[in-house]
Amino acid sequence: HRLFDKQLDALGQRFSCLVWDAPGH
């Protein structure tokens, strides 16, 4: 999920967001 930290930090203020750690990750 850390791959998208910059996206969630910025876009999470405007949109609802979900990110996962895929199985095994």
PDB file of all heavy atoms in Angstrom:
ATOM      1  N   HIS A   1       0.805  -1.222   0.000  1.00  0.00           N
ATOM      2  CA  HIS A   1       0.000   0.000   0.000  1.00  0.00           C
ATOM      3  C   HIS A   1       0.837   1.270   0.000  1.00  0.00           C
ATOM      4  O   HIS A   1       0.376   2.327  -0.444  1.00  0.00           O
ATOM      5  CB  HIS A   1      -0.939   0.006   1.209  1.00  0.00           C
ATOM      6  CG  HIS A   1      -0.240   0.159   2.528  1.00  0.00           C
ATOM      7  ND1 HIS A   1       0.382  -0.891   3.173  1.00  0.00           N
ATOM      8  CD2 HIS A   1      -0.040   1.249   3.312  1.00  0.00           C
ATOM      9  CE1 HIS A   1       0.913  -0.463   4.311  1.00  0.00           C
ATOM     10  NE2 HIS A   1       0.679   0.825   4.415  1.00  0.00           N
ATOM     11  N   ARG A   2       2.090   1.187   0.466  1.00  0.00           N
ATOM     12  CA  ARG A   2       2.945   2.372   0.512  1.00  0.00           C
ATOM     13  C   ARG A   2       3.237   2.932  -0.876  1.00  0.00           C
ATOM     14  O   ARG A   2       3.602   4.095  -1.021  1.00  0.00           O
ATOM     15  CB  ARG A   2       4.245   2.035   1.241  1.00  0.00           C
ATOM     16  CG  ARG A   2       4.060   1.847   2.735  1.00  0.00           C
ATOM     17  CD  ARG A   2       5.324   1.347   3.410  1.00  0.00           C
ATOM     18  NE  ARG A   2       5.574  -0.067   3.125  1.00  0.00           N
ATOM     19  CZ  ARG A   2       6.546  -0.774   3.695  1.00  0.00           C
ATOM     20  NH1 ARG A   2       7.363  -0.191   4.550  1.00  0.00           N
ATOM     21  NH2 ARG A   2       6.697  -2.056   3.405  1.00  0.00           N
ATOM     22  N   LEU A   3       3.059   2.104  -1.904  1.00  0.00           N
ATOM     23  CA  LEU A   3       3.276   2.569  -3.272  1.00  0.00           C
ATOM     24  C   LEU A   3       2.378   3.754  -3.608  1.00  0.00           C
ATOM     25  O   LEU A   3       2.725   4.612  -4.428  1.00  0.00           O
ATOM     26  CB  LEU A   3       3.011   1.423  -4.262  1.00  0.00           C
ATOM     27  CG  LEU A   3       3.325   1.710  -5.717  1.00  0.00           C
ATOM     28  CD1 LEU A   3       4.828   1.599  -5.972  1.00  0.00           C
ATOM     29  CD2 LEU A   3       2.576   0.754  -6.646  1.00  0.00           C
ATOM     30  N   PHE A   4       1.193   3.824  -2.968  1.00  0.00           N
ATOM     31  CA  PHE A   4       0.212   4.857  -3.284  1.00  0.00           C
ATOM     32  C   PHE A   4       0.073   5.895  -2.171  1.00  0.00           C
ATOM     33  O   PHE A   4      -0.942   6.615  -2.129  1.00  0.00           O
ATOM     34  CB  PHE A   4      -1.147   4.210  -3.570  1.00  0.00           C
ATOM     35  CG  PHE A   4      -1.224   3.527  -4.913  1.00  0.00           C
ATOM     36  CD1 PHE A   4      -1.342   2.148  -5.000  1.00  0.00           C
ATOM     37  CD2 PHE A   4      -1.179   4.259  -6.087  1.00  0.00           C
ATOM     38  CE1 PHE A   4      -1.419   1.515  -6.238  1.00  0.00           C
ATOM     39  CE2 PHE A   4      -1.258   3.635  -7.328  1.00  0.00           C
ATOM     40  CZ  PHE A   4      -1.378   2.260  -7.402  1.00  0.00           C
ATOM     41  N   ASP A   5       1.059   6.008  -1.286  1.00  0.00           N
ATOM     42  CA  ASP A   5       0.962   6.986  -0.205  1.00  0.00           C
ATOM     43  C   ASP A   5       0.730   8.399  -0.721  1.00  0.00           C
ATOM     44  O   ASP A   5      -0.100   9.148  -0.185  1.00  0.00           O
ATOM     45  CB  ASP A   5       2.235   6.959   0.650  1.00  0.00           C
ATOM     46  CG  ASP A   5       2.201   5.877   1.719  1.00  0.00           C
ATOM     47  OD1 ASP A   5       1.131   5.271   1.918  1.00  0.00           O
ATOM     48  OD2 ASP A   5       3.248   5.646   2.354  1.00  0.00           O
ATOM     49  N   LYS A   6       1.463   8.808  -1.760  1.00  0.00           N
ATOM     50  CA  LYS A   6       1.327  10.167  -2.289  1.00  0.00           C
ATOM     51  C   LYS A   6      -0.052  10.402  -2.901  1.00  0.00           C
ATOM     52  O   LYS A   6      -0.570  11.529  -2.882  1.00  0.00           O
ATOM     53  CB  LYS A   6       2.405  10.434  -3.339  1.00  0.00           C
ATOM     54  CG  LYS A   6       3.829  10.483  -2.800  1.00  0.00           C
ATOM     55  CD  LYS A   6       4.094  11.736  -1.994  1.00  0.00           C
ATOM     56  CE  LYS A   6       5.568  11.863  -1.645  1.00  0.00           C
ATOM     57  NZ  LYS A   6       5.839  13.071  -0.826  1.00  0.00           N
ATOM     58  N   GLN A   7      -0.645   9.336  -3.450  1.00  0.00           N
ATOM     59  CA  GLN A   7      -1.979   9.474  -4.027  1.00  0.00           C
ATOM     60  C   GLN A   7      -3.036   9.607  -2.923  1.00  0.00           C
ATOM     61  O   GLN A   7      -3.912  10.473  -3.003  1.00  0.00           O
ATOM     62  CB  GLN A   7      -2.301   8.267  -4.918  1.00  0.00           C
ATOM     63  CG  GLN A   7      -1.664   8.321  -6.289  1.00  0.00           C
ATOM     64  CD  GLN A   7      -0.140   8.267  -6.270  1.00  0.00           C
ATOM     65  OE1 GLN A   7       0.434   7.333  -5.721  1.00  0.00           O
ATOM     66  NE2 GLN A   7       0.513   9.260  -6.846  1.00  0.00           N
ATOM     67  N   LEU A   8      -2.934   8.774  -1.897  1.00  0.00           N
ATOM     68  CA  LEU A   8      -3.926   8.850  -0.825  1.00  0.00           C
ATOM     69  C   LEU A   8      -3.796  10.140  -0.038  1.00  0.00           C
ATOM     70  O   LEU A   8      -4.807  10.712   0.385  1.00  0.00           O
ATOM     71  CB  LEU A   8      -3.827   7.629   0.092  1.00  0.00           C
ATOM     72  CG  LEU A   8      -4.735   6.464  -0.321  1.00  0.00           C
ATOM     73  CD1 LEU A   8      -4.191   5.760  -1.563  1.00  0.00           C
ATOM     74  CD2 LEU A   8      -4.930   5.473   0.800  1.00  0.00           C
ATOM     75  N   ASP A   9      -2.572  10.621   0.169  1.00  0.00           N
ATOM     76  CA  ASP A   9      -2.384  11.873   0.902  1.00  0.00           C
ATOM     77  C   ASP A   9      -3.062  13.032   0.185  1.00  0.00           C
ATOM     78  O   ASP A   9      -3.687  13.896   0.812  1.00  0.00           O
ATOM     79  CB  ASP A   9      -0.894  12.175   1.071  1.00  0.00           C
ATOM     80  CG  ASP A   9      -0.221  11.265   2.082  1.00  0.00           C
ATOM     81  OD1 ASP A   9      -0.934  10.596   2.847  1.00  0.00           O
ATOM     82  OD2 ASP A   9       1.024  11.222   2.094  1.00  0.00           O
ATOM     83  N   ALA A  10      -2.948  13.073  -1.141  1.00  0.00           N
ATOM     84  CA  ALA A  10      -3.492  14.199  -1.907  1.00  0.00           C
ATOM     85  C   ALA A  10      -4.952  13.987  -2.293  1.00  0.00           C
ATOM     86  O   ALA A  10      -5.805  14.850  -2.071  1.00  0.00           O
ATOM     87  CB  ALA A  10      -2.648  14.434  -3.154  1.00  0.00           C
ATOM     88  N   LEU A  11      -5.252  12.833  -2.864  1.00  0.00           N
ATOM     89  CA  LEU A  11      -6.595  12.593  -3.394  1.00  0.00           C
ATOM     90  C   LEU A  11      -7.585  12.187  -2.313  1.00  0.00           C
ATOM     91  O   LEU A  11      -8.796  12.326  -2.494  1.00  0.00           O
ATOM     92  CB  LEU A  11      -6.529  11.524  -4.483  1.00  0.00           C
ATOM     93  CG  LEU A  11      -5.683  11.908  -5.697  1.00  0.00           C
ATOM     94  CD1 LEU A  11      -5.502  10.706  -6.625  1.00  0.00           C
ATOM     95  CD2 LEU A  11      -6.296  13.064  -6.459  1.00  0.00           C
ATOM     96  N   GLY A  12      -7.069  11.685  -1.181  1.00  0.00           N
ATOM     97  CA  GLY A  12      -7.955  11.301  -0.092  1.00  0.00           C
ATOM     98  C   GLY A  12      -8.688  12.473   0.531  1.00  0.00           C
ATOM     99  O   GLY A  12      -9.647  12.276   1.283  1.00  0.00           O
ATOM    100  N   GLN A  13      -8.264  13.685   0.235  1.00  0.00           N
ATOM    101  CA  GLN A  13      -8.966  14.868   0.723  1.00  0.00           C
ATOM    102  C   GLN A  13     -10.171  15.213  -0.155  1.00  0.00           C
ATOM    103  O   GLN A  13     -11.046  15.970   0.267  1.00  0.00           O
ATOM    104  CB  GLN A  13      -7.999  16.050   0.753  1.00  0.00           C
ATOM    105  CG  GLN A  13      -6.780  15.821   1.630  1.00  0.00           C
ATOM    106  CD  GLN A  13      -5.767  16.949   1.510  1.00  0.00           C
ATOM    107  OE1 GLN A  13      -6.129  18.091   1.216  1.00  0.00           O
ATOM    108  NE2 GLN A  13      -4.494  16.645   1.723  1.00  0.00           N
ATOM    109  N   ARG A  14     -10.196  14.653  -1.362  1.00  0.00           N
ATOM    110  CA  ARG A  14     -11.269  14.969  -2.318  1.00  0.00           C
ATOM    111  C   ARG A  14     -12.186  13.788  -2.590  1.00  0.00           C
ATOM    112  O   ARG A  14     -13.350  13.981  -2.954  1.00  0.00           O
ATOM    113  CB  ARG A  14     -10.655  15.443  -3.637  1.00  0.00           C
ATOM    114  CG  ARG A  14      -9.792  16.677  -3.507  1.00  0.00           C
ATOM    115  CD  ARG A  14      -9.128  17.043  -4.820  1.00  0.00           C
ATOM    116  NE  ARG A  14     -10.078  17.253  -5.902  1.00  0.00           N
ATOM    117  CZ  ARG A  14      -9.743  17.536  -7.152  1.00  0.00           C
ATOM    118  NH1 ARG A  14      -8.451  17.636  -7.467  1.00  0.00           N
ATOM    119  NH2 ARG A  14     -10.652  17.708  -8.082  1.00  0.00           N
ATOM    120  N   PHE A  15     -11.639  12.574  -2.484  1.00  0.00           N
ATOM    121  CA  PHE A  15     -12.404  11.378  -2.812  1.00  0.00           C
ATOM    122  C   PHE A  15     -12.244  10.331  -1.709  1.00  0.00           C
ATOM    123  O   PHE A  15     -11.238  10.327  -1.000  1.00  0.00           O
ATOM    124  CB  PHE A  15     -11.911  10.774  -4.133  1.00  0.00           C
ATOM    125  CG  PHE A  15     -11.868  11.736  -5.281  1.00  0.00           C
ATOM    126  CD1 PHE A  15     -10.662  12.293  -5.699  1.00  0.00           C
ATOM    127  CD2 PHE A  15     -13.024  12.099  -5.946  1.00  0.00           C
ATOM    128  CE1 PHE A  15     -10.603  13.176  -6.765  1.00  0.00           C
ATOM    129  CE2 PHE A  15     -12.982  12.992  -7.015  1.00  0.00           C
ATOM    130  CZ  PHE A  15     -11.776  13.537  -7.420  1.00  0.00           C
ATOM    131  N   SER A  16     -13.224   9.451  -1.602  1.00  0.00           N
ATOM    132  CA  SER A  16     -13.070   8.290  -0.732  1.00  0.00           C
ATOM    133  C   SER A  16     -12.116   7.316  -1.410  1.00  0.00           C
ATOM    134  O   SER A  16     -12.175   7.119  -2.628  1.00  0.00           O
ATOM    135  CB  SER A  16     -14.425   7.614  -0.491  1.00  0.00           C
ATOM    136  OG  SER A  16     -15.287   8.463   0.236  1.00  0.00           O
ATOM    137  N   CYS A  17     -11.220   6.717  -0.626  1.00  0.00           N
ATOM    138  CA  CYS A  17     -10.162   5.876  -1.204  1.00  0.00           C
ATOM    139  C   CYS A  17     -10.040   4.556  -0.460  1.00  0.00           C
ATOM    140  O   CYS A  17     -10.307   4.473   0.744  1.00  0.00           O
ATOM    141  CB  CYS A  17      -8.811   6.588  -1.142  1.00  0.00           C
ATOM    142  SG  CYS A  17      -8.715   8.124  -2.084  1.00  0.00           S
ATOM    143  N   LEU A  18      -9.623   3.545  -1.198  1.00  0.00           N
ATOM    144  CA  LEU A  18      -9.277   2.242  -0.628  1.00  0.00           C
ATOM    145  C   LEU A  18      -7.984   1.768  -1.270  1.00  0.00           C
ATOM    146  O   LEU A  18      -7.799   1.920  -2.479  1.00  0.00           O
ATOM    147  CB  LEU A  18     -10.393   1.215  -0.861  1.00  0.00           C
ATOM    148  CG  LEU A  18     -10.164  -0.207  -0.310  1.00  0.00           C
ATOM    149  CD1 LEU A  18     -11.485  -0.828   0.146  1.00  0.00           C
ATOM    150  CD2 LEU A  18      -9.482  -1.133  -1.328  1.00  0.00           C
ATOM    151  N   VAL A  19      -7.092   1.213  -0.459  1.00  0.00           N
ATOM    152  CA  VAL A  19      -5.863   0.604  -0.965  1.00  0.00           C
ATOM    153  C   VAL A  19      -5.638  -0.681  -0.181  1.00  0.00           C
ATOM    154  O   VAL A  19      -5.979  -0.756   1.001  1.00  0.00           O
ATOM    155  CB  VAL A  19      -4.659   1.558  -0.809  1.00  0.00           C
ATOM    156  CG1 VAL A  19      -4.384   1.886   0.657  1.00  0.00           C
ATOM    157  CG2 VAL A  19      -3.419   1.002  -1.482  1.00  0.00           C
ATOM    158  N   TRP A  20      -5.097  -1.705  -0.838  1.00  0.00           N
ATOM    159  CA  TRP A  20      -4.845  -2.948  -0.111  1.00  0.00           C
ATOM    160  C   TRP A  20      -3.391  -3.371  -0.227  1.00  0.00           C
ATOM    161  O   TRP A  20      -2.637  -2.868  -1.056  1.00  0.00           O
ATOM    162  CB  TRP A  20      -5.779  -4.064  -0.578  1.00  0.00           C
ATOM    163  CG  TRP A  20      -5.463  -4.724  -1.916  1.00  0.00           C
ATOM    164  CD1 TRP A  20      -4.467  -4.401  -2.802  1.00  0.00           C
ATOM    165  CD2 TRP A  20      -6.156  -5.831  -2.510  1.00  0.00           C
ATOM    166  NE1 TRP A  20      -4.508  -5.231  -3.903  1.00  0.00           N
ATOM    167  CE2 TRP A  20      -5.521  -6.115  -3.754  1.00  0.00           C
ATOM    168  CE3 TRP A  20      -7.230  -6.615  -2.118  1.00  0.00           C
ATOM    169  CZ2 TRP A  20      -5.948  -7.147  -4.592  1.00  0.00           C
ATOM    170  CZ3 TRP A  20      -7.656  -7.636  -2.945  1.00  0.00           C
ATOM    171  CH2 TRP A  20      -7.027  -7.897  -4.171  1.00  0.00           C
ATOM    172  N   ASP A  21      -3.030  -4.281   0.683  1.00  0.00           N
ATOM    173  CA  ASP A  21      -1.849  -5.106   0.511  1.00  0.00           C
ATOM    174  C   ASP A  21      -2.373  -6.410  -0.063  1.00  0.00           C
ATOM    175  O   ASP A  21      -3.093  -7.150   0.625  1.00  0.00           O
ATOM    176  CB  ASP A  21      -1.141  -5.370   1.847  1.00  0.00           C
ATOM    177  CG  ASP A  21      -0.283  -4.201   2.299  1.00  0.00           C
ATOM    178  OD1 ASP A  21      -0.158  -3.223   1.538  1.00  0.00           O
ATOM    179  OD2 ASP A  21       0.254  -4.261   3.424  1.00  0.00           O
ATOM    180  N   ALA A  22      -2.071  -6.676  -1.323  1.00  0.00           N
ATOM    181  CA  ALA A  22      -2.574  -7.883  -1.974  1.00  0.00           C
ATOM    182  C   ALA A  22      -2.099  -9.120  -1.215  1.00  0.00           C
ATOM    183  O   ALA A  22      -1.101  -9.075  -0.483  1.00  0.00           O
ATOM    184  CB  ALA A  22      -2.092  -7.936  -3.420  1.00  0.00           C
ATOM    185  N   PRO A  23      -2.798 -10.236  -1.333  1.00  0.00           N
ATOM    186  CA  PRO A  23      -2.376 -11.477  -0.674  1.00  0.00           C
ATOM    187  C   PRO A  23      -0.891 -11.773  -0.901  1.00  0.00           C
ATOM    188  O   PRO A  23      -0.399 -11.715  -2.026  1.00  0.00           O
ATOM    189  CB  PRO A  23      -3.267 -12.526  -1.326  1.00  0.00           C
ATOM    190  CG  PRO A  23      -4.532 -11.788  -1.618  1.00  0.00           C
ATOM    191  CD  PRO A  23      -4.067 -10.420  -2.052  1.00  0.00           C
ATOM    192  N   GLY A  24      -0.192 -12.060   0.190  1.00  0.00           N
ATOM    193  CA  GLY A  24       1.230 -12.365   0.121  1.00  0.00           C
ATOM    194  C   GLY A  24       2.130 -11.150   0.150  1.00  0.00           C
ATOM    195  O   GLY A  24       3.352 -11.284   0.136  1.00  0.00           O
ATOM    196  N   HIS A  25       1.538  -9.949   0.198  1.00  0.00           N
ATOM    197  CA  HIS A  25       2.289  -8.699   0.159  1.00  0.00           C
ATOM    198  C   HIS A  25       2.140  -7.941   1.477  1.00  0.00           C
ATOM    199  O   HIS A  25       1.081  -7.963   2.105  1.00  0.00           O
ATOM    200  CB  HIS A  25       1.778  -7.797  -0.966  1.00  0.00           C
ATOM    201  CG  HIS A  25       1.978  -8.345  -2.345  1.00  0.00           C
ATOM    202  ND1 HIS A  25       1.293  -9.442  -2.816  1.00  0.00           N
ATOM    203  CD2 HIS A  25       2.789  -7.931  -3.357  1.00  0.00           C
ATOM    204  CE1 HIS A  25       1.667  -9.682  -4.076  1.00  0.00           C
ATOM    205  NE2 HIS A  25       2.574  -8.788  -4.421  1.00  0.00           N
TER     206      HIS A  25
END
